[in-house]
């Protein structure tokens, strides 16, 4: 199951929050600020965290390559054309157009 707050990990760490292995967000004092239950429902009790997440859109976060448990890059599974497993979030970045000479 994908963890919702993992896509915001860099932004959260920049603001002093940490993300634990279960996908819970903790503030600088170790208090739980947000969580995701086993059904995929997300909860956020910290108003500052809500403001940070509202200001941060997923489009502003640069895409990252997905890695397995050993840290190796993962490949895309061709049997699932609607999801790209090689990228976190399942969507590959747009290809840049090259200028013709």
PDB file of N, CA and C in Angstrom:
ATOM      1  N   UNK A   1       0.846  -1.163   0.000  1.00  0.00           N
ATOM      2  CA  UNK A   1       0.000   0.000   0.000  1.00  0.00           C
ATOM      3  C   UNK A   1       0.903   1.242   0.000  1.00  0.00           C
ATOM      4  N   UNK A   2       0.580   2.168  -0.838  1.00  0.00           N
ATOM      5  CA  UNK A   2       1.343   3.415  -0.911  1.00  0.00           C
ATOM      6  C   UNK A   2       0.993   4.301   0.281  1.00  0.00           C
ATOM      7  N   UNK A   3       1.994   4.948   0.800  1.00  0.00           N
ATOM      8  CA  UNK A   3       1.796   5.865   1.915  1.00  0.00           C
ATOM      9  C   UNK A   3       1.612   7.270   1.354  1.00  0.00           C
ATOM     10  N   UNK A   4       0.580   7.950   1.788  1.00  0.00           N
ATOM     11  CA  UNK A   4       0.218   9.251   1.249  1.00  0.00           C
ATOM     12  C   UNK A   4       1.293  10.300   1.493  1.00  0.00           C
ATOM     13  N   UNK A   5       1.823  10.353   2.691  1.00  0.00           N
ATOM     14  CA  UNK A   5       2.742  11.435   3.053  1.00  0.00           C
ATOM     15  C   UNK A   5       4.151  11.237   2.499  1.00  0.00           C
ATOM     16  N   UNK A   6       4.470  10.060   1.927  1.00  0.00           N
ATOM     17  CA  UNK A   6       5.798   9.843   1.356  1.00  0.00           C
ATOM     18  C   UNK A   6       6.079  10.778   0.185  1.00  0.00           C
ATOM     19  N   UNK A   7       5.057  11.162  -0.552  1.00  0.00           N
ATOM     20  CA  UNK A   7       5.260  12.055  -1.688  1.00  0.00           C
ATOM     21  C   UNK A   7       5.646  13.468  -1.247  1.00  0.00           C
ATOM     22  N   UNK A   8       5.391  13.801   0.012  1.00  0.00           N
ATOM     23  CA  UNK A   8       5.731  15.114   0.559  1.00  0.00           C
ATOM     24  C   UNK A   8       6.944  15.068   1.482  1.00  0.00           C
ATOM     25  N   UNK A   9       7.694  13.976   1.478  1.00  0.00           N
ATOM     26  CA  UNK A   9       8.769  13.759   2.448  1.00  0.00           C
ATOM     27  C   UNK A   9       9.790  14.901   2.464  1.00  0.00           C
ATOM     28  N   UNK A  10      10.270  15.327   1.304  1.00  0.00           N
ATOM     29  CA  UNK A  10      11.281  16.388   1.257  1.00  0.00           C
ATOM     30  C   UNK A  10      10.739  17.702   1.819  1.00  0.00           C
ATOM     31  N   UNK A  11       9.510  18.028   1.490  1.00  0.00           N
ATOM     32  CA  UNK A  11       8.903  19.269   1.980  1.00  0.00           C
ATOM     33  C   UNK A  11       8.701  19.202   3.489  1.00  0.00           C
ATOM     34  N   UNK A  12       8.254  18.057   3.982  1.00  0.00           N
ATOM     35  CA  UNK A  12       8.026  17.905   5.420  1.00  0.00           C
ATOM     36  C   UNK A  12       9.330  18.022   6.198  1.00  0.00           C
ATOM     37  N   UNK A  13      10.390  17.386   5.697  1.00  0.00           N
ATOM     38  CA  UNK A  13      11.682  17.458   6.389  1.00  0.00           C
ATOM     39  C   UNK A  13      12.239  18.878   6.382  1.00  0.00           C
ATOM     40  N   UNK A  14      11.973  19.632   5.322  1.00  0.00           N
ATOM     41  CA  UNK A  14      12.431  21.020   5.256  1.00  0.00           C
ATOM     42  C   UNK A  14      11.774  21.864   6.348  1.00  0.00           C
ATOM     43  N   UNK A  15      10.553  21.516   6.733  1.00  0.00           N
ATOM     44  CA  UNK A  15       9.819  22.273   7.751  1.00  0.00           C
ATOM     45  C   UNK A  15       9.949  21.661   9.146  1.00  0.00           C
ATOM     46  N   UNK A  16      10.833  20.672   9.320  1.00  0.00           N
ATOM     47  CA  UNK A  16      11.095  20.118  10.649  1.00  0.00           C
ATOM     48  C   UNK A  16      10.260  18.917  11.024  1.00  0.00           C
ATOM     49  N   UNK A  17       9.515  18.343  10.110  1.00  0.00           N
ATOM     50  CA  UNK A  17       8.719  17.149  10.391  1.00  0.00           C
ATOM     51  C   UNK A  17       9.494  15.917   9.931  1.00  0.00           C
ATOM     52  N   UNK A  18       9.201  14.779  10.527  1.00  0.00           N
ATOM     53  CA  UNK A  18       9.818  13.527  10.105  1.00  0.00           C
ATOM     54  C   UNK A  18       8.724  12.539   9.732  1.00  0.00           C
ATOM     55  N   UNK A  19       9.082  11.612   8.875  1.00  0.00           N
ATOM     56  CA  UNK A  19       8.160  10.580   8.407  1.00  0.00           C
ATOM     57  C   UNK A  19       8.693   9.240   8.883  1.00  0.00           C
ATOM     58  N   UNK A  20       7.912   8.506   9.680  1.00  0.00           N
ATOM     59  CA  UNK A  20       8.400   7.222  10.172  1.00  0.00           C
ATOM     60  C   UNK A  20       8.053   6.101   9.207  1.00  0.00           C
ATOM     61  N   UNK A  21       8.463   4.887   9.539  1.00  0.00           N
ATOM     62  CA  UNK A  21       8.304   3.735   8.636  1.00  0.00           C
ATOM     63  C   UNK A  21       6.840   3.374   8.377  1.00  0.00           C
ATOM     64  N   UNK A  22       5.954   3.703   9.297  1.00  0.00           N
ATOM     65  CA  UNK A  22       4.528   3.395   9.111  1.00  0.00           C
ATOM     66  C   UNK A  22       3.809   4.452   8.301  1.00  0.00           C
ATOM     67  N   UNK A  23       4.497   5.534   7.948  1.00  0.00           N
ATOM     68  CA  UNK A  23       3.874   6.597   7.177  1.00  0.00           C
ATOM     69  C   UNK A  23       3.281   7.701   8.035  1.00  0.00           C
ATOM     70  N   UNK A  24       3.574   7.698   9.335  1.00  0.00           N
ATOM     71  CA  UNK A  24       3.093   8.745  10.228  1.00  0.00           C
ATOM     72  C   UNK A  24       4.033   9.935  10.183  1.00  0.00           C
ATOM     73  N   UNK A  25       3.478  11.126  10.304  1.00  0.00           N
ATOM     74  CA  UNK A  25       4.267  12.350  10.321  1.00  0.00           C
ATOM     75  C   UNK A  25       4.387  12.805  11.767  1.00  0.00           C
ATOM     76  N   UNK A  26       5.617  13.105  12.178  1.00  0.00           N
ATOM     77  CA  UNK A  26       5.872  13.556  13.543  1.00  0.00           C
ATOM     78  C   UNK A  26       6.524  14.925  13.512  1.00  0.00           C
ATOM     79  N   UNK A  27       6.177  15.762  14.499  1.00  0.00           N
ATOM     80  CA  UNK A  27       6.773  17.092  14.566  1.00  0.00           C
ATOM     81  C   UNK A  27       8.131  17.017  15.261  1.00  0.00           C
ATOM     82  N   UNK A  28       8.762  18.163  15.490  1.00  0.00           N
ATOM     83  CA  UNK A  28      10.102  18.208  16.066  1.00  0.00           C
ATOM     84  C   UNK A  28      10.146  17.646  17.486  1.00  0.00           C
ATOM     85  N   UNK A  29       9.042  17.675  18.208  1.00  0.00           N
ATOM     86  CA  UNK A  29       8.994  17.163  19.574  1.00  0.00           C
ATOM     87  C   UNK A  29       8.635  15.678  19.617  1.00  0.00           C
ATOM     88  N   UNK A  30       8.363  15.072  18.462  1.00  0.00           N
ATOM     89  CA  UNK A  30       8.021  13.653  18.406  1.00  0.00           C
ATOM     90  C   UNK A  30       6.541  13.364  18.483  1.00  0.00           C
ATOM     91  N   UNK A  31       5.719  14.394  18.528  1.00  0.00           N
ATOM     92  CA  UNK A  31       4.271  14.199  18.565  1.00  0.00           C
ATOM     93  C   UNK A  31       3.754  13.842  17.182  1.00  0.00           C
ATOM     94  N   UNK A  32       2.760  12.986  17.139  1.00  0.00           N
ATOM     95  CA  UNK A  32       2.178  12.592  15.867  1.00  0.00           C
ATOM     96  C   UNK A  32       1.317  13.725  15.329  1.00  0.00           C
ATOM     97  N   UNK A  33       1.669  14.221  14.125  1.00  0.00           N
ATOM     98  CA  UNK A  33       0.941  15.335  13.527  1.00  0.00           C
ATOM     99  C   UNK A  33      -0.028  14.862  12.453  1.00  0.00           C
ATOM    100  N   UNK A  34       0.274  13.744  11.817  1.00  0.00           N
ATOM    101  CA  UNK A  34      -0.596  13.207  10.768  1.00  0.00           C
ATOM    102  C   UNK A  34      -0.332  11.713  10.643  1.00  0.00           C
ATOM    103  N   UNK A  35      -1.319  10.996  10.115  1.00  0.00           N
ATOM    104  CA  UNK A  35      -1.188   9.553   9.984  1.00  0.00           C
ATOM    105  C   UNK A  35      -2.076   9.044   8.861  1.00  0.00           C
ATOM    106  N   UNK A  36      -1.800   7.805   8.474  1.00  0.00           N
ATOM    107  CA  UNK A  36      -2.631   7.096   7.499  1.00  0.00           C
ATOM    108  C   UNK A  36      -2.948   5.739   8.100  1.00  0.00           C
ATOM    109  N   UNK A  37      -4.235   5.381   8.151  1.00  0.00           N
ATOM    110  CA  UNK A  37      -4.590   4.090   8.723  1.00  0.00           C
ATOM    111  C   UNK A  37      -4.430   2.984   7.684  1.00  0.00           C
ATOM    112  N   UNK A  38      -4.699   1.764   8.090  1.00  0.00           N
ATOM    113  CA  UNK A  38      -4.483   0.621   7.194  1.00  0.00           C
ATOM    114  C   UNK A  38      -5.474   0.564   6.041  1.00  0.00           C
ATOM    115  N   UNK A  39      -6.522   1.375   6.094  1.00  0.00           N
ATOM    116  CA  UNK A  39      -7.502   1.427   5.015  1.00  0.00           C
ATOM    117  C   UNK A  39      -7.206   2.531   4.012  1.00  0.00           C
ATOM    118  N   UNK A  40      -6.160   3.332   4.274  1.00  0.00           N
ATOM    119  CA  UNK A  40      -5.790   4.414   3.373  1.00  0.00           C
ATOM    120  C   UNK A  40      -6.387   5.756   3.725  1.00  0.00           C
ATOM    121  N   UNK A  41      -7.122   5.845   4.831  1.00  0.00           N
ATOM    122  CA  UNK A  41      -7.675   7.127   5.278  1.00  0.00           C
ATOM    123  C   UNK A  41      -6.564   7.938   5.928  1.00  0.00           C
ATOM    124  N   UNK A  42      -6.503   9.228   5.609  1.00  0.00           N
ATOM    125  CA  UNK A  42      -5.455  10.074   6.169  1.00  0.00           C
ATOM    126  C   UNK A  42      -6.048  11.016   7.200  1.00  0.00           C
ATOM    127  N   UNK A  43      -5.253  11.308   8.234  1.00  0.00           N
ATOM    128  CA  UNK A  43      -5.661  12.180   9.322  1.00  0.00           C
ATOM    129  C   UNK A  43      -4.556  13.191   9.577  1.00  0.00           C
ATOM    130  N   UNK A  44      -4.911  14.436   9.778  1.00  0.00           N
ATOM    131  CA  UNK A  44      -3.949  15.489  10.059  1.00  0.00           C
ATOM    132  C   UNK A  44      -4.497  16.357  11.187  1.00  0.00           C
ATOM    133  N   UNK A  45      -3.777  16.409  12.315  1.00  0.00           N
ATOM    134  CA  UNK A  45      -4.232  17.176  13.458  1.00  0.00           C
ATOM    135  C   UNK A  45      -3.477  18.481  13.637  1.00  0.00           C
ATOM    136  N   UNK A  46      -2.385  18.672  12.908  1.00  0.00           N
ATOM    137  CA  UNK A  46      -1.551  19.866  13.049  1.00  0.00           C
ATOM    138  C   UNK A  46      -1.956  20.905  12.004  1.00  0.00           C
ATOM    139  N   UNK A  47      -2.459  22.082  12.420  1.00  0.00           N
ATOM    140  CA  UNK A  47      -2.876  23.099  11.442  1.00  0.00           C
ATOM    141  C   UNK A  47      -1.713  23.634  10.603  1.00  0.00           C
ATOM    142  N   UNK A  48      -0.505  23.692  11.178  1.00  0.00           N
ATOM    143  CA  UNK A  48       0.652  24.139  10.396  1.00  0.00           C
ATOM    144  C   UNK A  48       0.977  23.147   9.283  1.00  0.00           C
ATOM    145  N   UNK A  49       0.846  21.870   9.583  1.00  0.00           N
ATOM    146  CA  UNK A  49       1.093  20.835   8.584  1.00  0.00           C
ATOM    147  C   UNK A  49       0.049  20.911   7.474  1.00  0.00           C
ATOM    148  N   UNK A  50      -1.195  21.164   7.836  1.00  0.00           N
ATOM    149  CA  UNK A  50      -2.240  21.309   6.811  1.00  0.00           C
ATOM    150  C   UNK A  50      -1.930  22.469   5.872  1.00  0.00           C
ATOM    151  N   UNK A  51      -1.459  23.588   6.434  1.00  0.00           N
ATOM    152  CA  UNK A  51      -1.105  24.748   5.607  1.00  0.00           C
ATOM    153  C   UNK A  51       0.047  24.395   4.663  1.00  0.00           C
ATOM    154  N   UNK A  52       1.049  23.700   5.163  1.00  0.00           N
ATOM    155  CA  UNK A  52       2.197  23.314   4.339  1.00  0.00           C
ATOM    156  C   UNK A  52       1.751  22.413   3.202  1.00  0.00           C
ATOM    157  N   UNK A  53       0.899  21.446   3.500  1.00  0.00           N
ATOM    158  CA  UNK A  53       0.435  20.515   2.470  1.00  0.00           C
ATOM    159  C   UNK A  53      -0.469  21.201   1.460  1.00  0.00           C
ATOM    160  N   UNK A  54      -1.264  22.173   1.907  1.00  0.00           N
ATOM    161  CA  UNK A  54      -2.122  22.909   0.976  1.00  0.00           C
ATOM    162  C   UNK A  54      -1.300  23.762   0.021  1.00  0.00           C
ATOM    163  N   UNK A  55      -0.206  24.352   0.520  1.00  0.00           N
ATOM    164  CA  UNK A  55       0.638  25.199  -0.325  1.00  0.00           C
ATOM    165  C   UNK A  55       1.491  24.382  -1.286  1.00  0.00           C
ATOM    166  N   UNK A  56       1.761  23.147  -0.937  1.00  0.00           N
ATOM    167  CA  UNK A  56       2.610  22.288  -1.750  1.00  0.00           C
ATOM    168  C   UNK A  56       1.730  21.421  -2.633  1.00  0.00           C
ATOM    169  N   UNK A  57       1.833  21.617  -3.900  1.00  0.00           N
ATOM    170  CA  UNK A  57       1.107  20.750  -4.822  1.00  0.00           C
ATOM    171  C   UNK A  57       2.048  19.669  -5.312  1.00  0.00           C
ATOM    172  N   UNK A  58       1.500  18.580  -5.716  1.00  0.00           N
ATOM    173  CA  UNK A  58       2.308  17.459  -6.172  1.00  0.00           C
ATOM    174  C   UNK A  58       3.086  17.838  -7.429  1.00  0.00           C
ATOM    175  N   UNK A  59       2.560  18.750  -8.230  1.00  0.00           N
ATOM    176  CA  UNK A  59       3.254  19.147  -9.451  1.00  0.00           C
ATOM    177  C   UNK A  59       4.554  19.886  -9.139  1.00  0.00           C
ATOM    178  N   UNK A  60       4.644  20.542  -7.981  1.00  0.00           N
ATOM    179  CA  UNK A  60       5.843  21.277  -7.610  1.00  0.00           C
ATOM    180  C   UNK A  60       6.952  20.360  -7.101  1.00  0.00           C
ATOM    181  N   UNK A  61       6.632  19.135  -6.778  1.00  0.00           N
ATOM    182  CA  UNK A  61       7.614  18.197  -6.262  1.00  0.00           C
ATOM    183  C   UNK A  61       8.247  17.464  -7.445  1.00  0.00           C
ATOM    184  N   UNK A  62       9.565  17.504  -7.567  1.00  0.00           N
ATOM    185  CA  UNK A  62      10.193  16.818  -8.692  1.00  0.00           C
ATOM    186  C   UNK A  62      10.025  15.305  -8.569  1.00  0.00           C
ATOM    187  N   UNK A  63       9.820  14.612  -9.691  1.00  0.00           N
ATOM    188  CA  UNK A  63       9.632  13.165  -9.632  1.00  0.00           C
ATOM    189  C   UNK A  63      10.926  12.460  -9.218  1.00  0.00           C
ATOM    190  N   UNK A  64      10.777  11.344  -8.502  1.00  0.00           N
ATOM    191  CA  UNK A  64      11.923  10.573  -8.053  1.00  0.00           C
ATOM    192  C   UNK A  64      11.773   9.142  -8.535  1.00  0.00           C
ATOM    193  N   UNK A  65      12.906   8.516  -8.861  1.00  0.00           N
ATOM    194  CA  UNK A  65      12.889   7.122  -9.272  1.00  0.00           C
ATOM    195  C   UNK A  65      12.571   6.236  -8.073  1.00  0.00           C
ATOM    196  N   UNK A  66      11.796   5.211  -8.320  1.00  0.00           N
ATOM    197  CA  UNK A  66      11.434   4.264  -7.264  1.00  0.00           C
ATOM    198  C   UNK A  66      12.601   3.320  -7.008  1.00  0.00           C
ATOM    199  N   UNK A  67      12.761   2.937  -5.752  1.00  0.00           N
ATOM    200  CA  UNK A  67      13.844   2.040  -5.371  1.00  0.00           C
ATOM    201  C   UNK A  67      13.271   0.890  -4.536  1.00  0.00           C
ATOM    202  N   UNK A  68      13.940  -0.259  -4.623  1.00  0.00           N
ATOM    203  CA  UNK A  68      13.512  -1.407  -3.828  1.00  0.00           C
ATOM    204  C   UNK A  68      14.144  -1.348  -2.445  1.00  0.00           C
ATOM    205  N   UNK A  69      14.002  -2.413  -1.654  1.00  0.00           N
ATOM    206  CA  UNK A  69      14.499  -2.429  -0.281  1.00  0.00           C
ATOM    207  C   UNK A  69      16.011  -2.298  -0.214  1.00  0.00           C
ATOM    208  N   UNK A  70      16.722  -2.789  -1.242  1.00  0.00           N
ATOM    209  CA  UNK A  70      18.182  -2.717  -1.268  1.00  0.00           C
ATOM    210  C   UNK A  70      18.692  -1.378  -1.788  1.00  0.00           C
ATOM    211  N   UNK A  71      17.795  -0.515  -2.247  1.00  0.00           N
ATOM    212  CA  UNK A  71      18.202   0.775  -2.775  1.00  0.00           C
ATOM    213  C   UNK A  71      18.455   0.773  -4.272  1.00  0.00           C
ATOM    214  N   UNK A  72      18.188  -0.342  -4.928  1.00  0.00           N
ATOM    215  CA  UNK A  72      18.380  -0.434  -6.368  1.00  0.00           C
ATOM    216  C   UNK A  72      17.182   0.173  -7.095  1.00  0.00           C
ATOM    217  N   UNK A  73      17.434   0.747  -8.267  1.00  0.00           N
ATOM    218  CA  UNK A  73      16.346   1.323  -9.060  1.00  0.00           C
ATOM    219  C   UNK A  73      15.417   0.225  -9.545  1.00  0.00           C
ATOM    220  N   UNK A  74      14.131   0.516  -9.543  1.00  0.00           N
ATOM    221  CA  UNK A  74      13.137  -0.451  -9.998  1.00  0.00           C
ATOM    222  C   UNK A  74      12.798  -0.193 -11.456  1.00  0.00           C
ATOM    223  N   UNK A  75      12.400  -1.232 -12.153  1.00  0.00           N
ATOM    224  CA  UNK A  75      12.010  -1.121 -13.556  1.00  0.00           C
ATOM    225  C   UNK A  75      10.497  -1.062 -13.670  1.00  0.00           C
ATOM    226  N   UNK A  76      10.014  -0.592 -14.806  1.00  0.00           N
ATOM    227  CA  UNK A  76       8.583  -0.541 -15.065  1.00  0.00           C
ATOM    228  C   UNK A  76       8.096  -1.929 -15.447  1.00  0.00           C
ATOM    229  N   UNK A  77       6.905  -2.271 -14.996  1.00  0.00           N
ATOM    230  CA  UNK A  77       6.294  -3.553 -15.345  1.00  0.00           C
ATOM    231  C   UNK A  77       5.439  -3.341 -16.589  1.00  0.00           C
ATOM    232  N   UNK A  78       5.810  -3.949 -17.746  1.00  0.00           N
ATOM    233  CA  UNK A  78       5.048  -3.714 -18.972  1.00  0.00           C
ATOM    234  C   UNK A  78       3.622  -4.276 -18.943  1.00  0.00           C
ATOM    235  N   UNK A  79       3.304  -5.170 -17.986  1.00  0.00           N
ATOM    236  CA  UNK A  79       1.957  -5.737 -17.928  1.00  0.00           C
ATOM    237  C   UNK A  79       0.947  -4.764 -17.319  1.00  0.00           C
ATOM    238  N   UNK A  80       1.413  -3.641 -16.752  1.00  0.00           N
ATOM    239  CA  UNK A  80       0.522  -2.620 -16.198  1.00  0.00           C
ATOM    240  C   UNK A  80       0.751  -1.304 -16.940  1.00  0.00           C
ATOM    241  N   UNK A  81       0.044  -1.085 -18.052  1.00  0.00           N
ATOM    242  CA  UNK A  81       0.294   0.117 -18.849  1.00  0.00           C
ATOM    243  C   UNK A  81      -0.168   1.419 -18.206  1.00  0.00           C
ATOM    244  N   UNK A  82      -1.086   1.347 -17.232  1.00  0.00           N
ATOM    245  CA  UNK A  82      -1.595   2.583 -16.623  1.00  0.00           C
ATOM    246  C   UNK A  82      -0.757   3.070 -15.446  1.00  0.00           C
ATOM    247  N   UNK A  83       0.179   2.245 -14.948  1.00  0.00           N
ATOM    248  CA  UNK A  83       1.034   2.621 -13.816  1.00  0.00           C
ATOM    249  C   UNK A  83       2.482   2.395 -14.198  1.00  0.00           C
ATOM    250  N   UNK A  84       3.338   3.350 -13.887  1.00  0.00           N
ATOM    251  CA  UNK A  84       4.762   3.228 -14.143  1.00  0.00           C
ATOM    252  C   UNK A  84       5.460   2.985 -12.809  1.00  0.00           C
ATOM    253  N   UNK A  85       5.829   1.732 -12.553  1.00  0.00           N
ATOM    254  CA  UNK A  85       6.438   1.357 -11.282  1.00  0.00           C
ATOM    255  C   UNK A  85       7.852   1.896 -11.113  1.00  0.00           C
ATOM    256  N   UNK A  86       8.474   2.374 -12.183  1.00  0.00           N
ATOM    257  CA  UNK A  86       9.838   2.882 -12.109  1.00  0.00           C
ATOM    258  C   UNK A  86       9.901   4.248 -11.440  1.00  0.00           C
ATOM    259  N   UNK A  87       8.773   4.898 -11.262  1.00  0.00           N
ATOM    260  CA  UNK A  87       8.739   6.243 -10.668  1.00  0.00           C
ATOM    261  C   UNK A  87       7.822   6.244  -9.464  1.00  0.00           C
ATOM    262  N   UNK A  88       8.206   7.000  -8.408  1.00  0.00           N
ATOM    263  CA  UNK A  88       7.350   7.135  -7.230  1.00  0.00           C
ATOM    264  C   UNK A  88       6.080   7.874  -7.630  1.00  0.00           C
ATOM    265  N   UNK A  89       4.959   7.391  -7.178  1.00  0.00           N
ATOM    266  CA  UNK A  89       3.678   7.976  -7.546  1.00  0.00           C
ATOM    267  C   UNK A  89       3.086   7.332  -8.784  1.00  0.00           C
ATOM    268  N   UNK A  90       3.862   6.505  -9.495  1.00  0.00           N
ATOM    269  CA  UNK A  90       3.354   5.780 -10.641  1.00  0.00           C
ATOM    270  C   UNK A  90       3.247   6.567 -11.927  1.00  0.00           C
ATOM    271  N   UNK A  91       3.811   7.777 -11.964  1.00  0.00           N
ATOM    272  CA  UNK A  91       3.733   8.596 -13.170  1.00  0.00           C
ATOM    273  C   UNK A  91       5.143   9.056 -13.531  1.00  0.00           C
ATOM    274  N   UNK A  92       5.529   8.804 -14.766  1.00  0.00           N
ATOM    275  CA  UNK A  92       6.847   9.235 -15.233  1.00  0.00           C
ATOM    276  C   UNK A  92       6.808  10.724 -15.561  1.00  0.00           C
ATOM    277  N   UNK A  93       7.939  11.418 -15.435  1.00  0.00           N
ATOM    278  CA  UNK A  93       7.962  12.841 -15.783  1.00  0.00           C
ATOM    279  C   UNK A  93       7.802  13.039 -17.284  1.00  0.00           C
ATOM    280  N   UNK A  94       7.336  14.210 -17.645  1.00  0.00           N
ATOM    281  CA  UNK A  94       7.186  14.537 -19.061  1.00  0.00           C
ATOM    282  C   UNK A  94       8.564  14.626 -19.709  1.00  0.00           C
ATOM    283  N   UNK A  95       8.671  14.154 -20.933  1.00  0.00           N
ATOM    284  CA  UNK A  95       9.937  14.243 -21.653  1.00  0.00           C
ATOM    285  C   UNK A  95      10.116  15.650 -22.187  1.00  0.00           C
ATOM    286  N   UNK A  96      11.342  16.155 -22.075  1.00  0.00           N
ATOM    287  CA  UNK A  96      11.634  17.487 -22.558  1.00  0.00           C
ATOM    288  C   UNK A  96      11.828  17.458 -24.065  1.00  0.00           C
ATOM    289  N   UNK A  97      11.342  18.483 -24.735  1.00  0.00           N
ATOM    290  CA  UNK A  97      11.515  18.577 -26.172  1.00  0.00           C
ATOM    291  C   UNK A  97      12.899  19.111 -26.462  1.00  0.00           C
ATOM    292  N   UNK A  98      13.549  18.521 -27.425  1.00  0.00           N
ATOM    293  CA  UNK A  98      14.881  18.981 -27.809  1.00  0.00           C
ATOM    294  C   UNK A  98      14.745  19.951 -28.986  1.00  0.00           C
ATOM    295  N   UNK A  99      15.630  20.908 -29.018  1.00  0.00           N
ATOM    296  CA  UNK A  99      15.615  21.877 -30.110  1.00  0.00           C
ATOM    297  C   UNK A  99      16.293  21.258 -31.328  1.00  0.00           C
ATOM    298  N   UNK A 100      15.679  21.421 -32.457  1.00  0.00           N
ATOM    299  CA  UNK A 100      16.304  20.943 -33.683  1.00  0.00           C
ATOM    300  C   UNK A 100      17.240  22.010 -34.213  1.00  0.00           C
ATOM    301  N   UNK A 101      18.316  21.569 -34.811  1.00  0.00           N
ATOM    302  CA  UNK A 101      19.318  22.520 -35.310  1.00  0.00           C
ATOM    303  C   UNK A 101      19.010  22.992 -36.694  1.00  0.00           C
TER     304      UNK A 101
END
